[in-house]
């Protein structure tokens, strides 16, 4: 669905409606981090702006760019332990710290498939990340290693995996 996100004034000071830049994108996923709402977006139509990650600190009144402009961002997942935001994009998984208002995104391993859904194991101390792709599900057991492995779900030609969930409890681990 197309939504209209209202951005910050071009001059950074004025706050009249005419001075705000507006743009239309498809909002694919939302993630709430403290007092900020992050949205992963993609291009809404042929004449609209391209995707990226944006955030609002005023309940959607205004939006700031948070990087990945030009990339379709289909999914977001927040690691509350490491204070990092993961983005499933049209070309893999990216990660950035949320501790500042600007982002420096880096790739998570050499994974280059489109990622439509993400989940983080809350008990893995930020190490286990699962990604839903158009070919199934992949998991990384240590995000610092960058090594991804496939998980067989026994479903052939299932199409895009648009939702993944990790159900775990303390002192357990996900096997591959």
N, C-alpha and C. Protein backbone atom coordinates (compact mmCIF):
# COMPACT_ATOMS: atom_id res chain seq x y z
N UNK A 1 0.85 -1.17 0.00
CA UNK A 1 0.00 0.00 0.00
C UNK A 1 0.89 1.24 0.00
N UNK A 2 0.56 2.20 -0.83
CA UNK A 2 1.30 3.45 -0.84
C UNK A 2 0.91 4.28 0.38
N UNK A 3 1.90 4.85 1.01
CA UNK A 3 1.64 5.80 2.09
C UNK A 3 2.42 7.06 1.79
N UNK A 4 1.98 8.15 2.32
CA UNK A 4 2.70 9.39 2.14
C UNK A 4 3.47 9.65 3.42
N UNK A 5 4.78 9.75 3.27
CA UNK A 5 5.66 10.04 4.40
C UNK A 5 6.07 11.50 4.28
N UNK A 6 5.88 12.24 5.34
CA UNK A 6 6.26 13.65 5.32
C UNK A 6 7.68 13.76 5.85
N UNK A 7 8.56 14.36 5.07
CA UNK A 7 9.96 14.46 5.44
C UNK A 7 10.28 15.76 6.13
N UNK A 8 11.53 15.91 6.51
CA UNK A 8 12.00 17.13 7.15
C UNK A 8 12.09 18.25 6.13
N UNK A 9 11.96 19.50 6.57
CA UNK A 9 12.10 20.62 5.65
C UNK A 9 13.48 20.61 4.99
N UNK A 10 13.51 21.04 3.75
CA UNK A 10 14.76 21.06 3.01
C UNK A 10 15.81 21.93 3.70
N UNK A 11 15.37 23.01 4.34
CA UNK A 11 16.34 23.90 5.00
C UNK A 11 16.63 23.48 6.44
N UNK A 12 15.94 22.45 6.93
CA UNK A 12 16.18 21.95 8.28
C UNK A 12 15.64 22.85 9.38
N UNK A 13 15.05 23.99 9.05
CA UNK A 13 14.58 24.93 10.07
C UNK A 13 13.09 25.22 9.95
N UNK A 14 12.65 25.53 8.73
CA UNK A 14 11.26 25.93 8.54
C UNK A 14 10.34 24.75 8.77
N UNK A 15 9.14 25.03 9.15
CA UNK A 15 8.20 23.95 9.36
C UNK A 15 6.85 24.24 8.72
N UNK A 16 6.83 25.03 7.67
CA UNK A 16 5.58 25.24 6.95
C UNK A 16 5.34 24.07 6.02
N UNK A 17 4.09 23.73 5.80
CA UNK A 17 3.72 22.57 4.99
C UNK A 17 4.36 22.64 3.59
N UNK A 18 4.40 23.79 2.99
CA UNK A 18 4.94 23.92 1.63
C UNK A 18 6.43 23.63 1.56
N UNK A 19 7.14 23.79 2.67
CA UNK A 19 8.58 23.58 2.64
C UNK A 19 8.98 22.14 2.94
N UNK A 20 8.03 21.31 3.29
CA UNK A 20 8.34 19.90 3.53
C UNK A 20 8.43 19.17 2.22
N UNK A 21 9.40 18.29 2.10
CA UNK A 21 9.44 17.44 0.92
C UNK A 21 8.57 16.23 1.22
N UNK A 22 7.74 15.85 0.30
CA UNK A 22 6.90 14.67 0.49
C UNK A 22 7.21 13.67 -0.60
N UNK A 23 6.97 12.42 -0.32
CA UNK A 23 7.25 11.37 -1.27
C UNK A 23 6.35 10.19 -0.97
N UNK A 24 6.09 9.41 -1.98
CA UNK A 24 5.23 8.24 -1.83
C UNK A 24 6.07 6.99 -2.02
N UNK A 25 5.97 6.08 -1.09
CA UNK A 25 6.66 4.80 -1.15
C UNK A 25 5.73 3.72 -0.61
N UNK A 26 6.09 2.49 -0.84
CA UNK A 26 5.37 1.38 -0.25
C UNK A 26 6.02 1.08 1.10
N UNK A 27 5.23 1.09 2.16
CA UNK A 27 5.73 0.73 3.49
C UNK A 27 5.62 -0.78 3.63
N UNK A 28 6.76 -1.46 3.73
CA UNK A 28 6.77 -2.92 3.79
C UNK A 28 6.81 -3.47 5.20
N UNK A 29 7.49 -2.78 6.11
CA UNK A 29 7.63 -3.29 7.47
C UNK A 29 7.93 -2.13 8.41
N UNK A 30 7.46 -2.26 9.63
CA UNK A 30 7.71 -1.26 10.68
C UNK A 30 8.42 -1.92 11.84
N UNK A 31 9.27 -1.17 12.52
CA UNK A 31 9.95 -1.66 13.72
C UNK A 31 10.02 -0.49 14.70
N UNK A 32 9.53 -0.69 15.91
CA UNK A 32 9.57 0.34 16.94
C UNK A 32 10.82 0.11 17.81
N UNK A 33 11.62 1.17 17.93
CA UNK A 33 12.85 1.12 18.72
C UNK A 33 12.84 2.33 19.64
N UNK A 34 12.55 2.10 20.92
CA UNK A 34 12.45 3.22 21.86
C UNK A 34 11.36 4.18 21.43
N UNK A 35 11.73 5.45 21.24
CA UNK A 35 10.74 6.45 20.83
C UNK A 35 10.72 6.66 19.32
N UNK A 36 11.38 5.80 18.57
CA UNK A 36 11.43 5.93 17.11
C UNK A 36 10.67 4.79 16.44
N UNK A 37 10.04 5.13 15.32
CA UNK A 37 9.41 4.14 14.46
C UNK A 37 10.21 4.11 13.17
N UNK A 38 10.72 2.93 12.80
CA UNK A 38 11.46 2.75 11.56
C UNK A 38 10.54 2.09 10.54
N UNK A 39 10.69 2.48 9.29
CA UNK A 39 9.89 1.87 8.22
C UNK A 39 10.82 1.50 7.07
N UNK A 40 10.66 0.26 6.60
CA UNK A 40 11.36 -0.20 5.41
C UNK A 40 10.45 0.00 4.22
N UNK A 41 10.95 0.64 3.16
CA UNK A 41 10.10 1.01 2.04
C UNK A 41 10.66 0.51 0.72
N UNK A 42 9.79 0.50 -0.28
CA UNK A 42 10.21 0.23 -1.65
C UNK A 42 9.45 1.18 -2.56
N UNK A 43 9.82 1.18 -3.81
CA UNK A 43 9.23 2.08 -4.78
C UNK A 43 7.74 1.82 -4.89
N UNK A 44 6.95 2.88 -4.84
CA UNK A 44 5.50 2.74 -4.88
C UNK A 44 4.92 2.59 -6.27
N UNK A 45 5.43 3.35 -7.22
CA UNK A 45 4.95 3.29 -8.59
C UNK A 45 6.06 3.80 -9.50
N UNK A 46 5.81 3.75 -10.78
CA UNK A 46 6.84 4.13 -11.74
C UNK A 46 7.33 5.56 -11.54
N UNK A 47 6.46 6.44 -11.07
CA UNK A 47 6.85 7.84 -10.92
C UNK A 47 7.18 8.23 -9.47
N UNK A 48 7.27 7.25 -8.58
CA UNK A 48 7.56 7.57 -7.19
C UNK A 48 9.04 7.35 -6.88
N UNK A 49 9.42 7.81 -5.72
CA UNK A 49 10.81 7.68 -5.27
C UNK A 49 11.13 6.22 -4.98
N UNK A 50 12.41 5.91 -4.94
CA UNK A 50 12.83 4.55 -4.63
C UNK A 50 12.78 4.33 -3.12
N UNK A 51 13.11 3.11 -2.70
CA UNK A 51 12.97 2.72 -1.31
C UNK A 51 14.07 3.20 -0.40
N UNK A 52 14.12 2.59 0.79
CA UNK A 52 15.10 2.91 1.81
C UNK A 52 14.51 2.70 3.19
N UNK A 53 15.26 3.13 4.21
CA UNK A 53 14.78 3.07 5.59
C UNK A 53 14.61 4.50 6.08
N UNK A 54 13.51 4.75 6.76
CA UNK A 54 13.21 6.06 7.32
C UNK A 54 12.78 5.86 8.77
N UNK A 55 12.89 6.93 9.57
CA UNK A 55 12.41 6.85 10.94
C UNK A 55 11.68 8.13 11.32
N UNK A 56 10.79 7.97 12.28
CA UNK A 56 10.08 9.10 12.85
C UNK A 56 10.23 9.05 14.36
N UNK A 57 10.52 10.20 14.96
CA UNK A 57 10.61 10.29 16.41
C UNK A 57 9.42 11.06 16.98
N UNK A 58 8.44 11.38 16.11
CA UNK A 58 7.25 12.11 16.56
C UNK A 58 5.96 11.44 16.08
N UNK A 59 5.93 10.13 16.21
CA UNK A 59 4.75 9.33 15.86
C UNK A 59 4.29 9.51 14.42
N UNK A 60 5.23 9.66 13.51
CA UNK A 60 4.89 9.75 12.10
C UNK A 60 4.62 11.15 11.59
N UNK A 61 4.79 12.16 12.42
CA UNK A 61 4.59 13.53 11.98
C UNK A 61 5.61 13.95 10.94
N UNK A 62 6.85 13.56 11.15
CA UNK A 62 7.93 13.83 10.20
C UNK A 62 8.79 12.59 10.09
N UNK A 63 9.49 12.47 8.97
CA UNK A 63 10.32 11.30 8.70
C UNK A 63 11.70 11.74 8.27
N UNK A 64 12.70 11.02 8.76
CA UNK A 64 14.10 11.27 8.41
C UNK A 64 14.63 10.04 7.66
N UNK A 65 15.46 10.26 6.66
CA UNK A 65 16.12 9.16 5.97
C UNK A 65 17.10 8.49 6.92
N UNK A 66 17.16 7.16 6.89
CA UNK A 66 18.09 6.39 7.72
C UNK A 66 18.94 5.47 6.84
N UNK A 67 19.07 5.83 5.59
CA UNK A 67 19.96 5.10 4.71
C UNK A 67 19.27 4.09 3.82
N UNK A 68 20.08 3.43 3.01
CA UNK A 68 19.67 2.43 2.02
C UNK A 68 18.76 3.03 0.95
N UNK A 69 18.88 4.34 0.72
CA UNK A 69 18.10 4.96 -0.34
C UNK A 69 18.41 4.27 -1.66
N UNK A 70 17.39 4.03 -2.43
CA UNK A 70 17.55 3.35 -3.70
C UNK A 70 17.39 1.85 -3.63
N UNK A 71 17.37 1.28 -2.42
CA UNK A 71 17.18 -0.17 -2.25
C UNK A 71 15.73 -0.44 -1.81
N UNK A 72 15.18 -1.52 -2.31
CA UNK A 72 13.90 -1.98 -1.79
C UNK A 72 14.17 -2.66 -0.45
N UNK A 73 13.51 -2.20 0.60
CA UNK A 73 13.67 -2.76 1.94
C UNK A 73 12.34 -3.42 2.31
N UNK A 74 12.34 -4.76 2.32
CA UNK A 74 11.12 -5.52 2.52
C UNK A 74 10.84 -5.86 3.98
N UNK A 75 11.89 -5.93 4.80
CA UNK A 75 11.69 -6.37 6.18
C UNK A 75 12.71 -5.71 7.10
N UNK A 76 12.32 -5.58 8.37
CA UNK A 76 13.19 -5.03 9.41
C UNK A 76 13.13 -5.93 10.63
N UNK A 77 14.23 -6.01 11.36
CA UNK A 77 14.25 -6.73 12.65
C UNK A 77 15.24 -6.00 13.54
N UNK A 78 14.87 -5.83 14.80
CA UNK A 78 15.71 -5.09 15.75
C UNK A 78 16.31 -6.03 16.77
N UNK A 79 17.60 -5.91 16.96
CA UNK A 79 18.33 -6.67 17.98
C UNK A 79 18.50 -5.73 19.17
N UNK A 80 17.71 -5.95 20.21
CA UNK A 80 17.74 -5.06 21.38
C UNK A 80 19.00 -5.21 22.22
N UNK A 81 19.70 -6.33 22.09
CA UNK A 81 20.94 -6.53 22.83
C UNK A 81 22.08 -5.72 22.21
N UNK A 82 22.25 -5.86 20.90
CA UNK A 82 23.34 -5.17 20.20
C UNK A 82 22.93 -3.76 19.75
N UNK A 83 21.65 -3.42 19.89
CA UNK A 83 21.12 -2.12 19.45
C UNK A 83 21.37 -1.91 17.96
N UNK A 84 21.03 -2.95 17.18
CA UNK A 84 21.23 -2.90 15.74
C UNK A 84 19.93 -3.21 15.01
N UNK A 85 19.76 -2.55 13.88
CA UNK A 85 18.61 -2.77 13.03
C UNK A 85 19.06 -3.53 11.79
N UNK A 86 18.38 -4.64 11.51
CA UNK A 86 18.65 -5.43 10.32
C UNK A 86 17.59 -5.11 9.28
N UNK A 87 18.00 -5.05 8.02
CA UNK A 87 17.08 -4.77 6.93
C UNK A 87 17.21 -5.86 5.87
N UNK A 88 16.09 -6.48 5.54
CA UNK A 88 16.04 -7.43 4.44
C UNK A 88 15.77 -6.65 3.17
N UNK A 89 16.71 -6.69 2.23
CA UNK A 89 16.62 -5.87 1.03
C UNK A 89 16.50 -6.73 -0.22
N UNK A 90 16.43 -6.05 -1.35
CA UNK A 90 16.36 -6.75 -2.62
C UNK A 90 17.67 -7.45 -2.96
N UNK A 91 18.73 -7.17 -2.19
CA UNK A 91 20.03 -7.80 -2.47
C UNK A 91 20.72 -8.29 -1.20
N UNK A 92 19.96 -8.82 -0.25
CA UNK A 92 20.56 -9.40 0.94
C UNK A 92 20.16 -8.70 2.23
N UNK A 93 20.93 -8.96 3.28
CA UNK A 93 20.66 -8.41 4.61
C UNK A 93 21.72 -7.37 4.94
N UNK A 94 21.26 -6.24 5.45
CA UNK A 94 22.14 -5.15 5.86
C UNK A 94 21.91 -4.90 7.35
N UNK A 95 22.91 -4.31 8.03
CA UNK A 95 22.79 -4.02 9.45
C UNK A 95 23.38 -2.65 9.74
N UNK A 96 22.74 -1.94 10.70
CA UNK A 96 23.24 -0.63 11.13
C UNK A 96 22.90 -0.44 12.61
N UNK A 97 23.71 0.34 13.29
CA UNK A 97 23.46 0.69 14.68
C UNK A 97 22.32 1.70 14.73
N UNK A 98 21.51 1.63 15.78
CA UNK A 98 20.42 2.59 15.95
C UNK A 98 20.75 3.64 17.01
N UNK A 99 21.99 3.69 17.43
CA UNK A 99 22.36 4.59 18.52
C UNK A 99 22.62 6.02 18.07
N UNK A 100 22.50 6.31 16.77
CA UNK A 100 22.60 7.69 16.30
C UNK A 100 21.49 7.93 15.29
N UNK A 101 21.36 9.17 14.85
CA UNK A 101 20.31 9.51 13.90
C UNK A 101 20.72 9.29 12.45
N UNK A 102 21.94 8.85 12.23
CA UNK A 102 22.39 8.52 10.88
C UNK A 102 22.87 7.07 10.89
N UNK A 103 22.81 6.44 9.75
CA UNK A 103 23.16 5.03 9.69
C UNK A 103 24.33 4.77 8.76
N UNK A 104 25.15 3.83 9.16
CA UNK A 104 26.21 3.31 8.31
C UNK A 104 25.90 1.82 8.15
N UNK A 105 25.37 1.46 7.01
CA UNK A 105 24.91 0.10 6.76
C UNK A 105 26.04 -0.78 6.22
N UNK A 106 26.09 -2.02 6.70
CA UNK A 106 27.04 -2.99 6.19
C UNK A 106 26.31 -4.29 5.87
N UNK A 107 26.82 -5.03 4.91
CA UNK A 107 26.21 -6.30 4.53
C UNK A 107 26.49 -7.35 5.60
N UNK A 108 25.54 -8.24 5.80
CA UNK A 108 25.70 -9.37 6.72
C UNK A 108 26.10 -10.57 5.87
N UNK A 109 27.38 -10.85 5.84
CA UNK A 109 27.90 -11.94 5.02
C UNK A 109 27.80 -11.62 3.53
N UNK A 110 27.89 -12.65 2.73
CA UNK A 110 27.85 -12.47 1.28
C UNK A 110 26.51 -12.91 0.70
N UNK A 111 25.50 -12.89 1.50
CA UNK A 111 24.15 -13.27 1.13
C UNK A 111 23.57 -12.22 0.19
N UNK A 112 23.14 -12.61 -1.02
CA UNK A 112 22.68 -11.62 -1.99
C UNK A 112 21.26 -11.86 -2.50
N UNK A 113 20.54 -12.79 -1.91
CA UNK A 113 19.16 -13.05 -2.33
C UNK A 113 18.23 -11.96 -1.79
N UNK A 114 17.10 -11.71 -2.47
CA UNK A 114 16.10 -10.83 -1.87
C UNK A 114 15.58 -11.44 -0.58
N UNK A 115 15.44 -10.62 0.46
CA UNK A 115 15.00 -11.09 1.78
C UNK A 115 13.68 -10.38 2.12
N UNK A 116 12.62 -11.19 2.26
CA UNK A 116 11.27 -10.66 2.48
C UNK A 116 10.84 -10.69 3.94
N UNK A 117 11.55 -11.43 4.77
CA UNK A 117 11.21 -11.47 6.20
C UNK A 117 12.47 -11.78 7.00
N UNK A 118 12.50 -11.27 8.24
CA UNK A 118 13.63 -11.47 9.14
C UNK A 118 13.13 -11.77 10.54
N UNK A 119 13.90 -12.56 11.28
CA UNK A 119 13.63 -12.80 12.70
C UNK A 119 14.96 -12.99 13.42
N UNK A 120 15.02 -12.50 14.64
CA UNK A 120 16.21 -12.63 15.48
C UNK A 120 15.85 -13.47 16.69
N UNK A 121 16.71 -14.41 17.04
CA UNK A 121 16.51 -15.21 18.24
C UNK A 121 16.82 -14.30 19.44
N UNK A 122 15.82 -13.98 20.25
CA UNK A 122 16.05 -13.04 21.35
C UNK A 122 16.98 -13.57 22.44
N UNK A 123 17.23 -14.87 22.46
CA UNK A 123 18.09 -15.45 23.49
C UNK A 123 19.49 -15.79 22.98
N UNK A 124 19.81 -15.41 21.77
CA UNK A 124 21.09 -15.78 21.19
C UNK A 124 22.14 -14.68 21.33
N UNK A 125 21.84 -13.67 22.11
CA UNK A 125 22.74 -12.53 22.27
C UNK A 125 23.10 -11.92 20.93
N UNK A 126 22.08 -11.80 20.07
CA UNK A 126 22.26 -11.15 18.79
C UNK A 126 23.00 -11.95 17.75
N UNK A 127 23.11 -13.25 17.92
CA UNK A 127 23.90 -14.06 16.99
C UNK A 127 23.09 -14.79 15.95
N UNK A 128 21.86 -15.19 16.24
CA UNK A 128 21.07 -16.01 15.31
C UNK A 128 20.05 -15.13 14.60
N UNK A 129 20.12 -15.15 13.27
CA UNK A 129 19.22 -14.37 12.43
C UNK A 129 18.67 -15.28 11.35
N UNK A 130 17.36 -15.21 11.11
CA UNK A 130 16.71 -16.04 10.11
C UNK A 130 16.14 -15.12 9.03
N UNK A 131 16.27 -15.54 7.77
CA UNK A 131 15.82 -14.74 6.63
C UNK A 131 14.92 -15.57 5.71
N UNK A 132 13.75 -15.02 5.38
CA UNK A 132 12.86 -15.65 4.42
C UNK A 132 13.12 -15.07 3.04
N UNK A 133 13.34 -15.95 2.06
CA UNK A 133 13.68 -15.51 0.70
C UNK A 133 12.63 -16.05 -0.29
N UNK A 134 12.88 -15.85 -1.57
CA UNK A 134 11.98 -16.43 -2.57
C UNK A 134 12.34 -17.88 -2.87
N UNK A 135 13.36 -18.40 -2.18
CA UNK A 135 13.78 -19.79 -2.36
C UNK A 135 13.69 -20.60 -1.07
N UNK A 136 13.19 -20.02 0.00
CA UNK A 136 13.08 -20.74 1.26
C UNK A 136 13.57 -19.90 2.42
N UNK A 137 14.17 -20.57 3.40
CA UNK A 137 14.62 -19.89 4.62
C UNK A 137 16.11 -20.16 4.81
N UNK A 138 16.84 -19.11 5.17
CA UNK A 138 18.25 -19.23 5.50
C UNK A 138 18.46 -18.75 6.91
N UNK A 139 19.49 -19.27 7.57
CA UNK A 139 19.79 -18.86 8.94
C UNK A 139 21.28 -18.62 9.06
N UNK A 140 21.62 -17.63 9.87
CA UNK A 140 23.02 -17.37 10.20
C UNK A 140 23.14 -17.57 11.70
N UNK A 141 24.10 -18.38 12.12
CA UNK A 141 24.22 -18.71 13.54
C UNK A 141 25.14 -17.77 14.28
N UNK A 142 25.91 -16.99 13.57
CA UNK A 142 26.77 -16.01 14.22
C UNK A 142 26.96 -14.87 13.22
N UNK A 143 26.26 -13.76 13.43
CA UNK A 143 26.27 -12.68 12.45
C UNK A 143 27.67 -12.12 12.22
N UNK A 144 28.57 -12.28 13.18
CA UNK A 144 29.93 -11.79 12.98
C UNK A 144 30.70 -12.65 11.98
N UNK A 145 30.31 -13.93 11.83
CA UNK A 145 30.99 -14.81 10.89
C UNK A 145 30.53 -14.57 9.46
N UNK A 146 29.28 -14.19 9.29
CA UNK A 146 28.75 -13.94 7.96
C UNK A 146 28.42 -15.19 7.17
N UNK A 147 28.40 -16.37 7.80
CA UNK A 147 28.15 -17.62 7.10
C UNK A 147 26.68 -18.00 7.23
N UNK A 148 26.00 -18.06 6.10
CA UNK A 148 24.58 -18.41 6.05
C UNK A 148 24.42 -19.88 5.71
N UNK A 149 23.36 -20.50 6.22
CA UNK A 149 23.02 -21.89 5.88
C UNK A 149 21.55 -21.98 5.55
N UNK A 150 21.19 -22.89 4.67
CA UNK A 150 19.80 -23.09 4.28
C UNK A 150 19.10 -24.00 5.28
N UNK A 151 17.82 -23.77 5.49
CA UNK A 151 16.99 -24.65 6.31
C UNK A 151 15.96 -25.28 5.39
N UNK A 152 15.87 -26.60 5.39
CA UNK A 152 14.89 -27.29 4.57
C UNK A 152 13.57 -27.36 5.32
N UNK A 153 12.53 -26.80 4.72
CA UNK A 153 11.21 -26.84 5.33
C UNK A 153 10.34 -27.95 4.74
N UNK A 154 10.87 -28.64 3.75
CA UNK A 154 10.10 -29.70 3.12
C UNK A 154 9.00 -29.18 2.22
N UNK A 155 9.07 -27.92 1.84
CA UNK A 155 8.07 -27.33 0.96
C UNK A 155 8.77 -26.94 -0.32
N UNK A 156 8.32 -27.50 -1.43
CA UNK A 156 8.94 -27.16 -2.72
C UNK A 156 8.10 -26.11 -3.42
N UNK A 157 8.79 -25.21 -4.09
CA UNK A 157 8.14 -24.17 -4.88
C UNK A 157 7.09 -23.41 -4.08
N UNK A 158 7.41 -23.08 -2.85
CA UNK A 158 6.46 -22.38 -1.98
C UNK A 158 6.37 -20.90 -2.30
N UNK A 159 7.31 -20.37 -3.05
CA UNK A 159 7.29 -18.95 -3.36
C UNK A 159 7.98 -18.16 -2.26
N UNK A 160 7.68 -16.88 -2.22
CA UNK A 160 8.32 -15.99 -1.25
C UNK A 160 7.93 -16.36 0.17
N UNK A 161 8.93 -16.41 1.05
CA UNK A 161 8.66 -16.64 2.47
C UNK A 161 8.55 -15.25 3.10
N UNK A 162 7.32 -14.84 3.35
CA UNK A 162 7.06 -13.47 3.81
C UNK A 162 6.98 -13.33 5.32
N UNK A 163 7.11 -14.43 6.03
CA UNK A 163 7.08 -14.35 7.49
C UNK A 163 7.91 -15.48 8.08
N UNK A 164 8.80 -15.15 9.00
CA UNK A 164 9.57 -16.16 9.73
C UNK A 164 9.48 -15.82 11.21
N UNK A 165 9.57 -16.85 12.02
CA UNK A 165 9.48 -16.69 13.47
C UNK A 165 10.44 -17.66 14.12
N UNK A 166 11.19 -17.19 15.08
CA UNK A 166 12.05 -18.06 15.87
C UNK A 166 11.41 -18.23 17.24
N UNK A 167 11.10 -19.47 17.57
CA UNK A 167 10.55 -19.79 18.89
C UNK A 167 11.66 -20.47 19.66
N UNK A 168 12.11 -19.82 20.71
CA UNK A 168 13.21 -20.38 21.49
C UNK A 168 13.03 -20.01 22.95
N UNK A 169 13.87 -20.56 23.75
CA UNK A 169 13.89 -20.22 25.17
C UNK A 169 15.34 -20.11 25.61
N UNK A 170 15.60 -19.53 26.75
CA UNK A 170 17.00 -19.39 27.20
C UNK A 170 17.72 -20.74 27.22
N UNK A 171 19.00 -20.70 26.95
CA UNK A 171 19.88 -21.87 26.99
C UNK A 171 19.56 -22.93 25.93
N UNK A 172 19.01 -22.50 24.80
CA UNK A 172 18.82 -23.42 23.67
C UNK A 172 19.46 -22.78 22.45
N UNK A 173 19.67 -23.58 21.44
CA UNK A 173 20.23 -23.02 20.22
C UNK A 173 19.52 -23.63 19.01
N UNK A 174 19.59 -22.92 17.90
CA UNK A 174 18.99 -23.40 16.67
C UNK A 174 20.03 -24.23 15.93
N UNK A 175 19.64 -25.42 15.53
CA UNK A 175 20.55 -26.27 14.77
C UNK A 175 20.23 -26.17 13.30
N UNK A 176 21.20 -26.54 12.48
CA UNK A 176 20.96 -26.53 11.02
C UNK A 176 21.14 -27.93 10.49
